Amino acid sequence: MRTSSSLRLVTDARAPSLVESVTRAASRQVRTEVRVGLPEDSAGWVNCAELLSAPDGFTMWRQELAGWLHDRYSEAPERTTAGYVMSWYLGVPGYLATLLFHHERRVPSLRPEHLAFHKARPRPHPDSIAVLDESFVCLPDDPAAGTPNATVVPSEKALAAVLRGRFTAHAARFVAAFSGTVRFGRHTLWAAATDALDHSMWLVGRYAGDETAGVLDANLLLPDRYAPLTSASTLRPVVGDDGRTEWTRRREACCFHYLMEAGQGVCGTCPRVCAKR
């Protein structure tokens, strides 16, 4: 098992402010803008709690996506738009939480009312994420320990449990709201939530240039199945055609991109073709 001293990714540059922490972590990736607070021009931003309280917003989001898919692929199957939006939404709390955990060993608030995202155009994916509350959970050696915005837990395992619990609570509200707008069962929705955590942690390690560190944190976060999540981390090493060892994973949920004739078929990590291990 990893030790705090040998594999910690944070440095003495940490500061009590969550703003500085988010800014520093965000600089280690290129996937999306991550910030604390909304910009002065908040056009195009969606508060997660407001969306969850008015699920018709998911239907409108899928209609926006359908327009983009029609332009690109000449079709937009119902399950494909649902699969995209499901993964995109869950990636908002999932990516923010794993980014802060991996780089700063901090877990921000993941309450829907404390999160917002901005939708890009013309492909309406979340291209910016904002956390709207400056409180967070951290470890005893964090410079913020003892400050009003910080709650301290004793170990990395405990911090991972906080992240998992906060994300699961947010995902439960999403499942309740989104399930009434799509023909997906609860297992599919919770499988997508599991993917959001496991895949996001893998990504933040990869973006920072240390994919293996991301894999180690994914296993710290998901060492086993924690219901209603559907599996432990599925990340595993494989040997490529060139003899090099690489990381891959089996997705728990399908994005349904394969339903489009021009969609290039089933992904190699799709649960439809990738055996459980």
Protein backbone atom coordinates (compact mmCIF):
# COMPACT_ATOMS: atom_id res chain seq x y z
CA MET A 1 0.00 0.00 0.00
CA ARG A 2 1.22 3.47 -0.81
CA THR A 3 2.58 5.62 1.99
CA SER A 4 1.89 9.27 2.57
CA SER A 5 5.57 10.23 2.44
CA SER A 6 6.64 8.31 -0.66
CA LEU A 7 3.82 8.99 -3.08
CA ARG A 8 2.24 12.24 -2.00
CA LEU A 9 1.85 14.55 -4.99
CA VAL A 10 1.32 17.75 -3.05
CA THR A 11 4.16 20.08 -2.17
CA ASP A 12 4.99 22.70 0.43
CA ALA A 13 3.53 25.25 -1.99
CA ARG A 14 0.04 24.47 -0.72
CA ALA A 15 -1.76 27.44 0.78
CA PRO A 16 -4.84 27.71 3.02
CA SER A 17 -6.99 29.23 0.27
CA LEU A 18 -9.07 26.86 -1.86
CA VAL A 19 -8.81 29.40 -4.69
CA GLU A 20 -5.04 29.00 -4.81
CA SER A 21 -5.37 25.24 -4.46
CA VAL A 22 -7.81 24.96 -7.36
CA THR A 23 -5.72 27.29 -9.53
CA ARG A 24 -2.61 25.22 -8.93
CA ALA A 25 -4.35 21.88 -9.60
CA ALA A 26 -6.07 23.26 -12.70
CA SER A 27 -2.70 24.26 -14.15
CA ARG A 28 -1.71 20.56 -14.17
CA GLN A 29 -4.33 19.63 -16.78
CA VAL A 30 -5.76 20.85 -20.08
CA ARG A 31 -9.14 19.10 -20.10
CA THR A 32 -11.31 21.94 -18.79
CA GLU A 33 -11.24 25.23 -16.94
CA VAL A 34 -11.64 24.74 -13.19
CA ARG A 35 -12.28 27.69 -10.89
CA VAL A 36 -13.75 28.84 -7.59
CA GLY A 37 -16.79 31.05 -8.08
CA LEU A 38 -18.57 32.10 -11.24
CA PRO A 39 -17.13 34.68 -13.64
CA GLU A 40 -18.77 38.10 -13.90
CA ASP A 41 -20.38 36.99 -17.15
CA SER A 42 -22.20 33.85 -16.07
CA ALA A 43 -24.06 33.33 -19.34
CA GLY A 44 -24.06 29.68 -20.30
CA TRP A 45 -23.37 28.50 -16.76
CA VAL A 46 -25.62 25.87 -15.18
CA ASN A 47 -25.98 25.37 -11.43
CA CYS A 48 -26.16 21.64 -10.71
CA ALA A 49 -28.85 21.98 -8.03
CA GLU A 50 -31.05 24.05 -10.31
CA LEU A 51 -30.72 21.48 -13.10
CA LEU A 52 -31.49 18.58 -10.77
CA SER A 53 -34.58 20.37 -9.47
CA ALA A 54 -35.89 20.91 -13.02
CA PRO A 55 -35.04 17.69 -14.92
CA ASP A 56 -36.61 19.03 -18.11
CA GLY A 57 -33.27 20.79 -18.45
CA PHE A 58 -31.70 17.41 -19.21
CA THR A 59 -34.16 16.96 -22.07
CA MET A 60 -33.21 20.36 -23.48
CA TRP A 61 -29.53 19.49 -23.09
CA ARG A 62 -30.05 16.28 -25.03
CA GLN A 63 -31.86 18.20 -27.75
CA GLU A 64 -28.87 20.55 -28.08
CA LEU A 65 -26.60 17.51 -28.32
CA ALA A 66 -28.90 15.87 -30.88
CA GLY A 67 -28.50 18.90 -33.12
CA TRP A 68 -24.72 18.61 -32.96
CA LEU A 69 -24.81 14.85 -33.57
CA HIS A 70 -27.10 15.28 -36.57
CA ASP A 71 -24.69 17.82 -38.05
CA ARG A 72 -21.74 15.50 -37.51
CA TYR A 73 -23.20 11.99 -37.97
CA SER A 74 -26.61 12.62 -39.60
CA GLU A 75 -28.38 10.87 -36.71
CA ALA A 76 -28.83 11.12 -32.96
CA PRO A 77 -30.23 7.96 -31.32
CA GLU A 78 -32.11 8.51 -28.09
CA ARG A 79 -29.80 6.27 -26.07
CA THR A 80 -26.73 8.01 -27.46
CA THR A 81 -27.82 11.47 -26.35
CA ALA A 82 -28.80 10.04 -22.96
CA GLY A 83 -25.45 8.26 -22.62
CA TYR A 84 -23.44 11.36 -23.48
CA VAL A 85 -25.33 13.65 -21.11
CA MET A 86 -25.20 11.06 -18.32
CA SER A 87 -21.40 10.82 -18.57
CA TRP A 88 -20.89 14.55 -19.05
CA TYR A 89 -22.92 15.49 -16.00
CA LEU A 90 -21.35 12.94 -13.66
CA GLY A 91 -17.93 14.05 -14.86
CA VAL A 92 -18.49 17.48 -13.31
CA PRO A 93 -18.32 16.41 -9.63
CA GLY A 94 -16.13 13.43 -10.51
CA TYR A 95 -13.40 15.35 -12.31
CA LEU A 96 -13.32 18.28 -9.87
CA ALA A 97 -13.06 15.96 -6.86
CA THR A 98 -10.36 13.71 -8.29
CA LEU A 99 -8.31 16.66 -9.54
CA LEU A 100 -8.19 18.27 -6.08
CA PHE A 101 -7.61 14.97 -4.31
CA HIS A 102 -4.79 13.90 -6.61
CA HIS A 103 -2.83 17.14 -6.63
CA GLU A 104 -3.72 18.80 -3.34
CA ARG A 105 -5.06 16.07 -1.07
CA ARG A 106 -8.17 18.17 -0.58
CA VAL A 107 -11.84 17.33 -1.15
CA PRO A 108 -14.14 20.28 -1.93
CA SER A 109 -17.86 20.45 -1.34
CA LEU A 110 -19.66 18.40 -3.99
CA ARG A 111 -23.17 19.47 -3.04
CA PRO A 112 -25.14 20.22 -6.22
CA GLU A 113 -25.81 23.77 -5.02
CA HIS A 114 -22.06 24.31 -4.70
CA LEU A 115 -21.19 23.22 -8.25
CA ALA A 116 -21.78 24.77 -11.65
CA PHE A 117 -20.59 24.12 -15.16
CA HIS A 118 -20.47 25.95 -18.46
CA LYS A 119 -21.66 24.32 -21.68
CA ALA A 120 -19.51 24.73 -24.78
CA ARG A 121 -20.80 25.44 -28.27
CA PRO A 122 -21.59 23.90 -30.69
CA ARG A 123 -20.81 20.59 -28.93
CA PRO A 124 -22.61 21.17 -25.62
CA HIS A 125 -20.16 19.42 -23.28
CA PRO A 126 -19.06 20.97 -19.95
CA ASP A 127 -15.92 22.97 -20.76
CA SER A 128 -15.64 24.77 -17.39
CA ILE A 129 -16.37 23.71 -13.81
CA ALA A 130 -16.85 26.01 -10.82
CA VAL A 131 -17.01 25.17 -7.14
CA LEU A 132 -19.07 27.79 -5.34
CA ASP A 133 -18.10 27.05 -1.74
CA GLU A 134 -14.60 27.50 -0.27
CA SER A 135 -14.79 24.81 2.42
CA PHE A 136 -12.87 21.56 2.01
CA VAL A 137 -11.61 18.47 3.80
CA CYS A 138 -7.87 17.92 4.18
CA LEU A 139 -5.17 15.97 6.06
CA PRO A 140 -3.51 16.94 9.37
CA ASP A 141 -0.31 18.16 7.67
CA ASP A 142 -2.17 20.50 5.32
CA PRO A 143 -1.27 24.18 5.87
CA ALA A 144 -5.01 24.90 6.06
CA ALA A 145 -5.58 22.54 8.99
CA GLY A 146 -7.16 24.53 11.80
CA THR A 147 -8.54 27.27 9.55
CA PRO A 148 -12.30 27.95 9.39
CA ASN A 149 -12.80 26.51 5.89
CA ALA A 150 -10.96 23.25 6.56
CA THR A 151 -12.15 20.00 8.11
CA VAL A 152 -9.36 17.59 8.98
CA VAL A 153 -9.46 13.80 8.64
CA PRO A 154 -6.67 11.53 9.92
CA SER A 155 -5.49 9.68 6.82
CA GLU A 156 -5.51 9.41 3.03
CA LYS A 157 -7.87 6.45 3.30
CA ALA A 158 -10.28 8.59 5.33
CA LEU A 159 -9.97 11.43 2.81
CA ALA A 160 -10.72 9.02 -0.03
CA ALA A 161 -13.81 7.87 1.88
CA VAL A 162 -14.98 11.48 2.17
CA LEU A 163 -14.57 11.97 -1.58
CA ARG A 164 -16.40 8.75 -2.35
CA GLY A 165 -19.23 9.61 0.03
CA ARG A 166 -19.67 13.15 -1.23
CA PHE A 167 -19.62 12.06 -4.86
CA THR A 168 -22.08 9.22 -4.19
CA ALA A 169 -24.47 11.61 -2.46
CA HIS A 170 -24.39 13.94 -5.48
CA ALA A 171 -24.75 11.02 -7.88
CA ALA A 172 -27.80 9.76 -5.96
CA ARG A 173 -29.55 13.06 -6.59
CA PHE A 174 -28.61 12.84 -10.26
CA VAL A 175 -29.91 9.27 -10.55
CA ALA A 176 -33.21 10.30 -8.97
CA ALA A 177 -33.63 13.27 -11.31
CA PHE A 178 -32.27 11.84 -14.56
CA SER A 179 -33.93 8.42 -14.32
CA GLY A 180 -37.32 10.01 -14.91
CA THR A 181 -36.18 11.44 -18.25
CA VAL A 182 -34.50 8.36 -19.81
CA ARG A 183 -35.10 4.64 -20.29
CA PHE A 184 -32.02 3.57 -18.38
CA GLY A 185 -32.13 1.32 -15.33
CA ARG A 186 -30.49 2.23 -12.05
CA HIS A 187 -27.57 -0.13 -12.70
CA THR A 188 -26.65 1.74 -15.88
CA LEU A 189 -26.80 5.08 -14.09
CA TRP A 190 -24.67 3.91 -11.17
CA ALA A 191 -22.26 2.23 -13.58
CA ALA A 192 -21.75 5.61 -15.24
CA ALA A 193 -21.14 7.16 -11.82
CA THR A 194 -18.47 4.54 -11.12
CA ASP A 195 -16.83 5.33 -14.47
CA ALA A 196 -16.82 9.03 -13.64
CA LEU A 197 -14.66 8.44 -10.56
CA ASP A 198 -12.34 5.76 -11.90
CA HIS A 199 -11.76 7.35 -15.30
CA SER A 200 -11.35 10.86 -13.92
CA MET A 201 -8.62 9.80 -11.50
CA TRP A 202 -6.82 8.03 -14.33
CA LEU A 203 -7.09 11.15 -16.48
CA VAL A 204 -5.74 13.59 -13.90
CA GLY A 205 -2.66 11.43 -13.43
CA ARG A 206 -2.16 11.17 -17.18
CA TYR A 207 -2.54 14.91 -17.76
CA ALA A 208 0.05 15.61 -15.06
CA GLY A 209 2.52 13.25 -16.70
CA ASP A 210 2.30 10.42 -14.14
CA GLU A 211 -0.37 7.99 -15.26
CA THR A 212 0.67 5.39 -12.71
CA ALA A 213 0.13 7.87 -9.87
CA GLY A 214 -3.42 8.37 -11.11
CA VAL A 215 -3.95 4.61 -11.19
CA LEU A 216 -2.67 4.31 -7.60
CA ASP A 217 -5.11 6.99 -6.48
CA ALA A 218 -7.96 5.28 -8.35
CA ASN A 219 -7.21 2.14 -6.36
CA LEU A 220 -7.06 4.16 -3.16
CA LEU A 221 -10.47 5.62 -3.98
CA LEU A 222 -12.06 2.40 -5.27
CA PRO A 223 -10.19 -0.53 -3.73
CA ASP A 224 -13.41 -2.51 -3.64
CA ARG A 225 -17.02 -2.14 -4.73
CA TYR A 226 -18.91 0.34 -2.56
CA ALA A 227 -22.61 0.00 -3.39
CA PRO A 228 -24.45 1.62 -5.07
CA LEU A 229 -21.27 2.08 -7.16
CA THR A 230 -20.92 -0.99 -9.36
CA SER A 231 -17.27 -2.01 -9.08
CA ALA A 232 -13.82 -1.40 -7.72
CA SER A 233 -11.37 0.36 -10.02
CA THR A 234 -11.06 -1.59 -13.27
CA LEU A 235 -7.71 -0.07 -14.25
CA ARG A 236 -5.18 -2.71 -15.22
CA PRO A 237 -1.88 -2.98 -17.13
CA VAL A 238 -1.76 -4.47 -20.63
CA VAL A 239 1.18 -5.14 -22.94
CA GLY A 240 0.86 -3.35 -26.26
CA ASP A 241 1.93 -4.58 -29.70
CA ASP A 242 5.26 -2.80 -29.22
CA GLY A 243 5.94 -4.70 -26.01
CA ARG A 244 5.37 -1.68 -23.79
CA THR A 245 3.10 -1.93 -20.77
CA GLU A 246 0.19 0.49 -20.81
CA TRP A 247 -2.85 1.12 -18.64
CA THR A 248 -6.40 0.46 -19.70
CA ARG A 249 -9.73 -0.08 -17.98
CA ARG A 250 -13.08 -1.71 -18.56
CA ARG A 251 -15.89 0.77 -18.58
CA GLU A 252 -18.88 -0.06 -16.42
CA ALA A 253 -21.36 1.84 -18.61
CA CYS A 254 -21.81 2.25 -22.35
CA CYS A 255 -21.90 5.65 -24.07
CA PHE A 256 -24.02 4.20 -26.91
CA HIS A 257 -21.90 5.96 -29.53
CA TYR A 258 -21.84 2.67 -31.43
CA LEU A 259 -25.55 3.05 -32.28
CA MET A 260 -24.66 5.59 -34.96
CA GLU A 261 -23.66 3.99 -38.25
CA ALA A 262 -20.85 6.52 -38.67
CA GLY A 263 -19.76 6.16 -35.04
CA GLN A 264 -16.83 3.77 -35.66
CA GLY A 265 -18.31 0.86 -33.76
CA VAL A 266 -17.95 -0.25 -30.14
CA CYS A 267 -15.12 1.20 -28.03
CA GLY A 268 -12.38 -1.24 -26.96
CA THR A 269 -13.14 -0.56 -23.29
CA CYS A 270 -16.91 -0.96 -23.64
CA PRO A 271 -18.49 -3.44 -21.19
CA ARG A 272 -20.17 -5.05 -24.21
CA VAL A 273 -16.83 -6.39 -25.49
CA CYS A 274 -14.44 -6.13 -22.52
CA ALA A 275 -14.58 -9.04 -20.09
CA LYS A 276 -14.78 -8.46 -16.35
CA ARG A 277 -11.49 -9.00 -14.49
